[in-house]
């Protein structure tokens, strides 16, 4: 079996990647065990040096690395470049802060001396998706490895080229062989990996179905797990919002990465009183989008990553229209090229409301009042993030506390930031990446108490 790198815009095969044989995977596991014994003994300063080197390499080679991203999954080149720059930032953040984040924490408990120490657990299996093929990897790898763990990466089949580039960067930066390894392997290998004693944890970013399967395997083998799954984020617009800014950010959130983002604003919930003013601004902006060749600087929206994703989005759109939604704009497609679409009059019960829509389709939902808007936002099996738009910040904060999600941003684009924990509730998964919470996910929280 061979994985292929296919340029989504033209469907041209760019590269082929043979799957690793069982003996090669076994060798990677042995190498991970040996590397962990070395890497965990490194001082924070020494690990930090490696990650600062990684950041420098990412910036130095960002143009070539960005082209690899665009060729493999289709996002416009400017977005690919920004993704590489963000990866460099997260490496620098944990290179600078990991030691203080994992500093021993004194506890008063009646002993002469008692404290909490944080120590690495071993090899962490990363199962990562294609939509942000560099960022998703560095988002977990930077805190996990700076804590002293090592990692095995099973990346999505269509971005093996990105996976191999990342592995090469670690080696170039001075990480010992085996600290970060890529497995070109199919899904059944995951069960073997989670059964292996060297693998102590798994982190997965992907679909609800994949998350459920991995969680069951992790539980069966008593391995800790972190799941970052889908989202159906609500963006709520109140009548007093800055409509120009709200509309521009709503469009950016929904359409960046051709709409293929877990934290995209998938449901634009607009109070009826604000609908006309919001749509005047949003309509102008969405009509200005240009879908096409992601290497063309004039193009705003690249192709979707695979034909099956296009087919699924079209089915969701057509079924919603059959149930009463109104297609205002776009929705035409050829191959992986799906023209940005706008669906109005979307209601509960339609796929565009009930399901995660992963592509360039904006969905607008009317709310009667603030209470109705919160109820609509929470009427979802997902709970990743969301945003509220109002000039009354205190009201925005009060409403944010009522939204069932892992994060709410007020008057701002929802995004992951190294200094803030990232993750969801409900079917969006569990656990947190980034921030102090992220680096604590894969450490042994050890109590040490002494008396004499």
Protein backbone atom coordinates (compact mmCIF):
# COMPACT_ATOMS: atom_id res chain seq x y z
CA UNK A 1 0.00 0.00 0.00
CA UNK A 2 1.20 3.51 -0.86
CA UNK A 3 0.02 6.90 0.39
CA UNK A 4 -0.08 9.64 -2.24
CA UNK A 5 0.44 13.38 -1.99
CA UNK A 6 -2.09 14.89 -4.41
CA UNK A 7 -2.31 18.60 -5.26
CA UNK A 8 -6.02 19.27 -4.62
CA UNK A 9 -6.37 22.06 -7.18
CA UNK A 10 -5.40 19.87 -10.15
CA UNK A 11 -5.52 16.36 -8.62
CA UNK A 12 -1.93 15.85 -9.80
CA UNK A 13 0.01 13.21 -7.85
CA UNK A 14 3.03 14.99 -6.38
CA UNK A 15 4.69 12.14 -4.46
CA UNK A 16 4.20 8.61 -3.19
CA UNK A 17 5.01 7.28 0.26
CA UNK A 18 5.22 3.51 0.83
CA UNK A 19 3.90 2.31 4.16
CA UNK A 20 6.47 1.19 6.69
CA UNK A 21 6.83 -2.51 7.31
CA UNK A 22 6.25 -3.99 10.76
CA UNK A 23 9.99 -4.40 11.38
CA UNK A 24 10.57 -0.69 10.70
CA UNK A 25 7.82 0.30 13.13
CA UNK A 26 9.30 -1.99 15.78
CA UNK A 27 12.65 -0.32 15.26
CA UNK A 28 11.03 3.10 15.76
CA UNK A 29 9.58 1.92 19.07
CA UNK A 30 12.97 0.68 20.22
CA UNK A 31 14.54 3.96 19.16
CA UNK A 32 11.87 5.91 21.06
CA UNK A 33 12.61 3.98 24.25
CA UNK A 34 16.33 4.71 23.96
CA UNK A 35 15.78 8.34 23.04
CA UNK A 36 13.51 8.89 26.03
CA UNK A 37 16.23 7.73 28.42
CA UNK A 38 18.54 10.37 26.92
CA UNK A 39 16.09 13.21 26.31
CA UNK A 40 14.50 13.15 29.78
CA UNK A 41 17.94 13.74 31.28
CA UNK A 42 18.46 16.90 29.21
CA UNK A 43 18.19 20.13 31.18
CA UNK A 44 15.43 22.55 30.21
CA UNK A 45 18.14 24.81 28.83
CA UNK A 46 19.41 22.06 26.54
CA UNK A 47 15.94 21.15 25.29
CA UNK A 48 15.22 24.84 24.87
CA UNK A 49 18.24 25.18 22.62
CA UNK A 50 16.85 22.48 20.33
CA UNK A 51 13.45 24.18 20.10
CA UNK A 52 14.98 27.58 19.46
CA UNK A 53 16.92 25.94 16.62
CA UNK A 54 13.68 24.46 15.29
CA UNK A 55 12.06 27.89 15.31
CA UNK A 56 15.01 29.37 13.42
CA UNK A 57 14.89 26.59 10.80
CA UNK A 58 11.14 27.08 10.33
CA UNK A 59 11.62 30.79 9.65
CA UNK A 60 14.65 30.24 7.43
CA UNK A 61 12.87 27.64 5.28
CA UNK A 62 9.33 28.95 5.56
CA UNK A 63 8.85 29.61 1.84
CA UNK A 64 9.75 26.05 0.83
CA UNK A 65 7.83 24.53 3.75
CA UNK A 66 4.76 26.61 2.93
CA UNK A 67 4.81 25.31 -0.64
CA UNK A 68 4.82 21.75 0.68
CA UNK A 69 1.69 22.50 2.72
CA UNK A 70 -0.10 24.09 -0.24
CA UNK A 71 0.81 21.27 -2.63
CA UNK A 72 -0.40 18.60 -0.23
CA UNK A 73 -3.63 20.05 1.17
CA UNK A 74 -4.43 23.09 -0.95
CA UNK A 75 -4.59 26.14 1.31
CA UNK A 76 -3.51 29.43 -0.23
CA UNK A 77 0.20 30.13 0.03
CA UNK A 78 -0.19 33.11 2.35
CA UNK A 79 -2.05 30.93 4.86
CA UNK A 80 0.60 28.21 4.59
CA UNK A 81 3.33 30.76 5.30
CA UNK A 82 1.42 32.09 8.32
CA UNK A 83 1.07 28.53 9.61
CA UNK A 84 4.84 28.02 9.54
CA UNK A 85 5.41 31.31 11.35
CA UNK A 86 2.94 30.29 14.05
CA UNK A 87 4.79 27.00 14.52
CA UNK A 88 8.01 28.92 15.10
CA UNK A 89 6.21 31.03 17.70
CA UNK A 90 4.93 28.04 19.70
CA UNK A 91 8.44 26.52 19.70
CA UNK A 92 9.89 29.77 21.02
CA UNK A 93 7.12 30.10 23.62
CA UNK A 94 7.75 26.71 25.22
CA UNK A 95 11.52 27.03 24.84
CA UNK A 96 11.24 30.13 27.00
CA UNK A 97 8.48 29.11 29.44
CA UNK A 98 8.56 25.30 29.89
CA UNK A 99 10.93 25.38 32.87
CA UNK A 100 8.83 27.88 34.83
CA UNK A 101 5.59 26.11 33.90
CA UNK A 102 6.96 22.83 35.28
CA UNK A 103 8.71 24.27 38.31
CA UNK A 104 8.22 22.30 41.54
CA UNK A 105 5.16 23.56 43.41
CA UNK A 106 5.45 23.72 47.25
CA UNK A 107 2.37 22.52 49.18
CA UNK A 108 1.65 23.01 52.86
CA UNK A 109 0.46 19.65 54.18
CA UNK A 110 1.97 19.27 57.66
CA UNK A 111 5.31 17.80 56.52
CA UNK A 112 8.73 19.31 56.93
CA UNK A 113 8.80 19.66 53.18
CA UNK A 114 6.20 18.71 50.59
CA UNK A 115 5.88 19.66 46.96
CA UNK A 116 4.60 18.60 43.55
CA UNK A 117 7.14 17.60 40.90
CA UNK A 118 6.37 17.22 37.21
CA UNK A 119 8.17 14.51 35.26
CA UNK A 120 7.84 13.13 31.71
CA UNK A 121 5.99 9.86 31.12
CA UNK A 122 7.60 8.44 27.98
CA UNK A 123 6.58 8.25 24.32
CA UNK A 124 3.43 10.08 23.24
CA UNK A 125 1.68 8.98 20.07
CA UNK A 126 0.41 11.91 17.99
CA UNK A 127 -2.38 11.19 15.50
CA UNK A 128 -2.79 14.34 13.49
CA UNK A 129 -5.04 15.63 10.66
CA UNK A 130 -4.30 17.24 7.31
CA UNK A 131 -5.96 20.65 7.67
CA UNK A 132 -3.08 22.32 9.54
CA UNK A 133 -0.35 19.78 8.81
CA UNK A 134 2.47 21.67 10.56
CA UNK A 135 0.60 23.59 13.26
CA UNK A 136 -1.37 20.63 14.63
CA UNK A 137 1.91 18.75 15.08
CA UNK A 138 3.87 21.55 16.73
CA UNK A 139 0.88 22.47 18.89
CA UNK A 140 1.25 19.18 20.74
CA UNK A 141 4.95 18.49 20.13
CA UNK A 142 6.38 21.71 21.58
CA UNK A 143 4.93 21.35 25.10
CA UNK A 144 5.07 17.54 25.12
CA UNK A 145 8.74 17.31 24.16
CA UNK A 146 9.87 20.31 26.18
CA UNK A 147 8.45 18.44 29.19
CA UNK A 148 10.93 15.64 28.43
CA UNK A 149 8.74 13.19 26.54
CA UNK A 150 9.43 11.82 23.06
CA UNK A 151 6.90 11.40 20.27
CA UNK A 152 5.81 9.14 17.45
CA UNK A 153 3.72 10.87 14.79
CA UNK A 154 1.10 9.13 12.68
CA UNK A 155 0.06 11.87 10.30
CA UNK A 156 -2.82 11.95 7.83
CA UNK A 157 -2.12 9.94 4.64
CA UNK A 158 -2.33 12.95 2.30
CA UNK A 159 0.32 15.03 4.12
CA UNK A 160 3.18 12.57 4.50
CA UNK A 161 5.51 15.06 2.83
CA UNK A 162 4.84 17.56 5.62
CA UNK A 163 5.40 14.84 8.24
CA UNK A 164 8.79 13.94 6.77
CA UNK A 165 9.82 17.61 6.64
CA UNK A 166 9.01 18.02 10.33
CA UNK A 167 11.01 14.94 11.28
CA UNK A 168 13.99 16.27 9.31
CA UNK A 169 13.73 19.65 11.07
CA UNK A 170 14.01 18.01 14.50
CA UNK A 171 17.16 16.20 13.46
CA UNK A 172 18.66 19.31 11.86
CA UNK A 173 17.93 21.26 15.05
CA UNK A 174 19.95 18.82 17.16
CA UNK A 175 17.28 16.61 18.70
CA UNK A 176 18.68 13.12 19.38
CA UNK A 177 17.50 10.47 16.90
CA UNK A 178 14.26 8.95 18.13
CA UNK A 179 12.99 12.00 20.01
CA UNK A 180 10.55 12.76 17.19
CA UNK A 181 9.77 10.04 14.65
CA UNK A 182 7.26 9.75 11.81
CA UNK A 183 5.40 6.54 11.14
CA UNK A 184 4.06 6.16 7.60
CA UNK A 185 1.37 3.75 8.71
CA UNK A 186 -2.30 2.95 8.26
CA UNK A 187 -4.99 3.12 10.95
CA UNK A 188 -4.75 -0.52 12.17
CA UNK A 189 -1.21 0.17 13.42
CA UNK A 190 -2.66 2.46 16.13
CA UNK A 191 -3.91 -0.51 18.13
CA UNK A 192 -0.44 -2.12 18.13
CA UNK A 193 1.17 1.15 19.17
CA UNK A 194 -1.19 1.70 22.09
CA UNK A 195 -0.58 -1.84 23.28
CA UNK A 196 3.18 -1.28 23.32
CA UNK A 197 4.68 -0.42 26.73
CA UNK A 198 6.92 2.35 25.37
CA UNK A 199 3.84 4.37 24.29
CA UNK A 200 2.34 5.91 27.41
CA UNK A 201 -0.16 8.36 25.96
CA UNK A 202 -1.94 9.43 22.80
CA UNK A 203 -3.11 12.78 21.52
CA UNK A 204 -5.49 12.93 18.58
CA UNK A 205 -6.88 15.79 16.55
CA UNK A 206 -9.51 14.56 14.13
CA UNK A 207 -13.05 13.38 13.68
CA UNK A 208 -15.52 12.32 16.33
CA UNK A 209 -15.43 8.75 14.98
CA UNK A 210 -11.62 8.58 15.12
CA UNK A 211 -11.64 10.05 18.61
CA UNK A 212 -14.11 7.48 19.88
CA UNK A 213 -12.02 4.60 18.50
CA UNK A 214 -8.76 5.92 19.92
CA UNK A 215 -10.32 6.66 23.31
CA UNK A 216 -11.55 3.07 23.53
CA UNK A 217 -8.11 1.68 22.64
CA UNK A 218 -6.41 4.01 25.11
CA UNK A 219 -8.83 3.01 27.85
CA UNK A 220 -8.39 -0.68 27.09
CA UNK A 221 -4.62 -0.30 27.48
CA UNK A 222 -4.81 2.16 30.40
CA UNK A 223 -3.03 4.92 28.48
CA UNK A 224 -3.90 8.55 28.97
CA UNK A 225 -5.47 10.31 26.00
CA UNK A 226 -6.25 13.80 24.75
CA UNK A 227 -8.87 14.37 22.06
CA UNK A 228 -9.42 17.52 20.00
CA UNK A 229 -12.32 16.67 17.74
CA UNK A 230 -14.85 18.55 15.67
CA UNK A 231 -16.63 21.80 16.31
CA UNK A 232 -19.71 23.71 15.27
CA UNK A 233 -18.76 27.06 16.72
CA UNK A 234 -21.33 29.81 17.07
CA UNK A 235 -20.54 33.44 16.32
CA UNK A 236 -23.21 35.57 17.99
CA UNK A 237 -23.87 39.10 16.73
CA UNK A 238 -25.77 41.49 19.03
CA UNK A 239 -27.40 44.71 17.75
CA UNK A 240 -24.77 46.99 19.31
CA UNK A 241 -21.83 45.20 17.64
CA UNK A 242 -19.34 46.91 15.37
CA UNK A 243 -20.92 45.42 12.24
CA UNK A 244 -17.99 46.02 9.91
CA UNK A 245 -15.57 44.29 12.24
CA UNK A 246 -18.01 41.52 13.11
CA UNK A 247 -18.74 40.77 9.46
CA UNK A 248 -15.07 40.85 8.45
CA UNK A 249 -14.05 38.52 11.28
CA UNK A 250 -17.00 36.20 10.64
CA UNK A 251 -15.94 35.87 7.02
CA UNK A 252 -12.30 35.29 7.96
CA UNK A 253 -13.23 32.71 10.56
CA UNK A 254 -15.56 30.81 8.25
CA UNK A 255 -13.55 30.96 5.02
CA UNK A 256 -9.88 30.76 6.02
CA UNK A 257 -8.29 27.42 5.15
CA UNK A 258 -11.22 26.98 2.72
CA UNK A 259 -13.46 26.58 5.75
CA UNK A 260 -11.59 23.48 6.93
CA UNK A 261 -10.98 24.41 10.54
CA UNK A 262 -12.35 22.96 13.77
CA UNK A 263 -12.68 26.45 15.26
CA UNK A 264 -14.25 28.12 12.22
CA UNK A 265 -17.44 30.09 12.87
CA UNK A 266 -19.75 27.46 11.43
CA UNK A 267 -22.99 28.98 12.69
CA UNK A 268 -23.44 32.76 12.43
CA UNK A 269 -26.21 33.48 14.93
CA UNK A 270 -27.45 37.02 14.37
CA UNK A 271 -30.13 38.71 16.43
CA UNK A 272 -33.07 39.61 14.20
CA UNK A 273 -32.68 43.28 15.12
CA UNK A 274 -29.09 43.21 13.82
CA UNK A 275 -29.67 41.02 10.76
CA UNK A 276 -30.06 43.73 8.13
CA UNK A 277 -27.01 45.76 9.20
CA UNK A 278 -24.84 42.65 9.54
CA UNK A 279 -25.84 41.16 6.20
CA UNK A 280 -25.18 44.41 4.32
CA UNK A 281 -21.56 44.18 5.43
CA UNK A 282 -21.22 40.39 5.18
CA UNK A 283 -22.78 40.20 1.71
CA UNK A 284 -20.26 42.70 0.30
CA UNK A 285 -17.33 40.78 1.74
CA UNK A 286 -18.35 37.29 0.71
CA UNK A 287 -18.98 38.45 -2.85
CA UNK A 288 -15.39 39.70 -3.02
CA UNK A 289 -13.91 36.24 -2.43
CA UNK A 290 -12.12 34.48 -5.27
CA UNK A 291 -11.72 30.71 -5.29
CA UNK A 292 -8.97 29.13 -7.38
CA UNK A 293 -5.28 28.26 -7.66
CA UNK A 294 -3.79 28.55 -4.16
CA UNK A 295 -0.47 29.70 -5.61
CA UNK A 296 -2.17 32.72 -7.23
CA UNK A 297 -1.74 35.71 -4.90
CA UNK A 298 -5.09 37.14 -6.04
CA UNK A 299 -6.99 34.05 -4.85
CA UNK A 300 -8.59 34.22 -1.40
CA UNK A 301 -9.90 30.66 -1.11
CA UNK A 302 -8.03 27.56 -2.20
CA UNK A 303 -9.53 24.17 -3.01
CA UNK A 304 -10.77 21.76 -0.40
CA UNK A 305 -8.33 19.00 0.43
CA UNK A 306 -10.10 15.96 -1.08
CA UNK A 307 -13.03 15.21 -3.42
CA UNK A 308 -14.89 13.22 -0.75
CA UNK A 309 -14.91 16.30 1.50
CA UNK A 310 -16.47 18.33 -1.31
CA UNK A 311 -19.11 15.66 -1.84
CA UNK A 312 -20.01 15.59 1.84
CA UNK A 313 -20.32 19.39 2.05
CA UNK A 314 -22.54 19.43 -1.04
CA UNK A 315 -24.81 16.77 0.47
CA UNK A 316 -25.16 18.81 3.66
CA UNK A 317 -25.94 21.92 1.62
CA UNK A 318 -28.49 20.25 -0.67
CA UNK A 319 -30.33 18.52 2.19
CA UNK A 320 -30.52 21.81 4.07
CA UNK A 321 -31.97 23.52 0.99
CA UNK A 322 -34.54 20.76 0.65
CA UNK A 323 -35.59 21.49 4.24
CA UNK A 324 -36.05 25.22 3.61
CA UNK A 325 -32.63 26.87 3.74
CA UNK A 326 -31.95 29.45 1.03
CA UNK A 327 -28.75 29.38 -1.04
CA UNK A 328 -27.87 33.02 -1.64
CA UNK A 329 -24.44 32.63 -3.21
CA UNK A 330 -21.95 30.06 -4.46
CA UNK A 331 -22.05 26.34 -3.86
CA UNK A 332 -20.82 25.35 -7.31
CA UNK A 333 -17.97 22.88 -7.41
CA UNK A 334 -15.62 21.01 -9.72
CA UNK A 335 -13.14 18.51 -8.35
CA UNK A 336 -11.92 19.96 -5.05
CA UNK A 337 -12.80 23.53 -6.02
CA UNK A 338 -15.93 24.60 -4.11
CA UNK A 339 -17.05 28.20 -4.56
CA UNK A 340 -17.70 30.00 -1.25
CA UNK A 341 -21.36 29.62 -0.38
CA UNK A 342 -23.88 31.49 1.76
CA UNK A 343 -26.90 29.74 3.27
CA UNK A 344 -29.65 31.81 4.89
CA UNK A 345 -32.77 30.82 6.81
CA UNK A 346 -31.00 27.88 8.44
CA UNK A 347 -32.81 26.27 11.36
CA UNK A 348 -32.47 23.45 13.85
CA UNK A 349 -32.98 20.06 12.16
CA UNK A 350 -31.07 20.95 9.01
CA UNK A 351 -27.62 19.41 8.41
CA UNK A 352 -26.18 22.92 8.16
CA UNK A 353 -27.22 23.48 11.78
CA UNK A 354 -26.95 20.02 13.34
CA UNK A 355 -23.71 18.77 11.76
CA UNK A 356 -20.18 20.07 11.46
CA UNK A 357 -19.83 21.65 8.02
CA UNK A 358 -16.18 21.43 7.03
CA UNK A 359 -15.73 23.70 4.04
CA UNK A 360 -16.31 27.22 2.63
CA UNK A 361 -20.02 27.57 3.44
CA UNK A 362 -21.31 30.36 5.67
CA UNK A 363 -24.49 29.52 7.57
CA UNK A 364 -26.65 32.35 8.94
CA UNK A 365 -29.22 31.71 11.68
CA UNK A 366 -31.67 34.28 13.05
CA UNK A 367 -32.18 34.62 16.82
CA UNK A 368 -35.14 36.40 18.42
CA UNK A 369 -33.21 37.68 21.45
CA UNK A 370 -30.06 37.14 23.52
CA UNK A 371 -31.60 34.22 25.40
CA UNK A 372 -32.56 32.59 22.11
CA UNK A 373 -29.05 33.16 20.71
CA UNK A 374 -27.44 31.40 23.68
CA UNK A 375 -29.93 28.52 23.42
CA UNK A 376 -29.15 28.14 19.70
CA UNK A 377 -25.40 28.25 20.34
CA UNK A 378 -25.69 25.53 22.99
CA UNK A 379 -28.03 23.38 20.91
CA UNK A 380 -25.15 21.34 19.50
CA UNK A 381 -23.37 18.11 20.29
CA UNK A 382 -20.11 20.00 19.99
CA UNK A 383 -18.53 22.47 22.39
CA UNK A 384 -15.16 23.68 21.12
CA UNK A 385 -15.30 27.48 21.06
CA UNK A 386 -17.29 30.49 19.95
CA UNK A 387 -17.44 34.26 19.89
CA UNK A 388 -19.75 37.11 20.88
CA UNK A 389 -19.89 40.52 19.24
CA UNK A 390 -21.07 43.45 21.34
CA UNK A 391 -19.69 46.80 22.44
CA UNK A 392 -20.85 46.05 26.00
CA UNK A 393 -17.88 43.99 27.22
CA UNK A 394 -19.45 43.13 30.58
CA UNK A 395 -22.55 41.83 28.85
CA UNK A 396 -20.32 39.86 26.50
CA UNK A 397 -18.50 38.25 29.41
CA UNK A 398 -21.79 37.40 31.16
CA UNK A 399 -23.11 35.75 28.00
CA UNK A 400 -19.79 33.97 27.39
CA UNK A 401 -20.15 32.20 30.73
CA UNK A 402 -23.47 30.77 29.53
CA UNK A 403 -22.03 29.19 26.37
CA UNK A 404 -21.13 25.50 26.62
CA UNK A 405 -17.66 25.44 25.09
CA UNK A 406 -13.96 25.32 25.87
CA UNK A 407 -13.39 28.95 24.89
CA UNK A 408 -15.30 32.11 24.04
CA UNK A 409 -13.72 35.18 22.45
CA UNK A 410 -15.43 38.57 22.63
CA UNK A 411 -15.02 40.89 19.64
CA UNK A 412 -12.13 38.78 18.37
CA UNK A 413 -11.31 35.95 16.02
CA UNK A 414 -11.25 32.57 17.76
CA UNK A 415 -7.73 31.19 17.53
CA UNK A 416 -5.30 29.00 19.41
CA UNK A 417 -2.58 30.83 21.31
CA UNK A 418 0.43 29.23 23.05
CA UNK A 419 -0.29 31.09 26.28
CA UNK A 420 -3.95 29.96 26.54
CA UNK A 421 -5.37 26.44 26.99
CA UNK A 422 -7.16 25.06 23.93
CA UNK A 423 -9.74 22.28 23.81
CA UNK A 424 -13.41 21.46 24.01
CA UNK A 425 -16.23 19.72 25.83
CA UNK A 426 -19.05 17.37 24.76
CA UNK A 427 -18.26 15.71 21.42
CA UNK A 428 -15.46 18.19 20.76
CA UNK A 429 -13.25 16.08 23.00
CA UNK A 430 -11.40 16.43 26.28
CA UNK A 431 -8.08 17.57 27.62
CA UNK A 432 -6.25 20.77 26.82
CA UNK A 433 -3.39 21.76 24.55
CA UNK A 434 -1.26 24.89 24.94
CA UNK A 435 -0.83 27.11 27.97
CA UNK A 436 0.26 25.60 31.29
CA UNK A 437 -2.63 23.18 31.09
CA UNK A 438 -1.27 21.78 27.83
CA UNK A 439 2.21 21.01 29.12
CA UNK A 440 0.69 19.29 32.18
CA UNK A 441 -1.33 16.82 30.08
CA UNK A 442 1.54 14.39 29.59
CA UNK A 443 3.56 14.56 32.78
CA UNK A 444 3.57 12.54 35.97
CA UNK A 445 2.26 14.85 38.68
CA UNK A 446 4.33 13.44 41.52
CA UNK A 447 3.84 14.18 45.21
CA UNK A 448 7.04 14.29 47.27
CA UNK A 449 6.73 14.68 51.03
CA UNK A 450 9.47 14.53 53.69
CA UNK A 451 9.65 14.72 57.46
CA UNK A 452 12.23 13.98 60.13
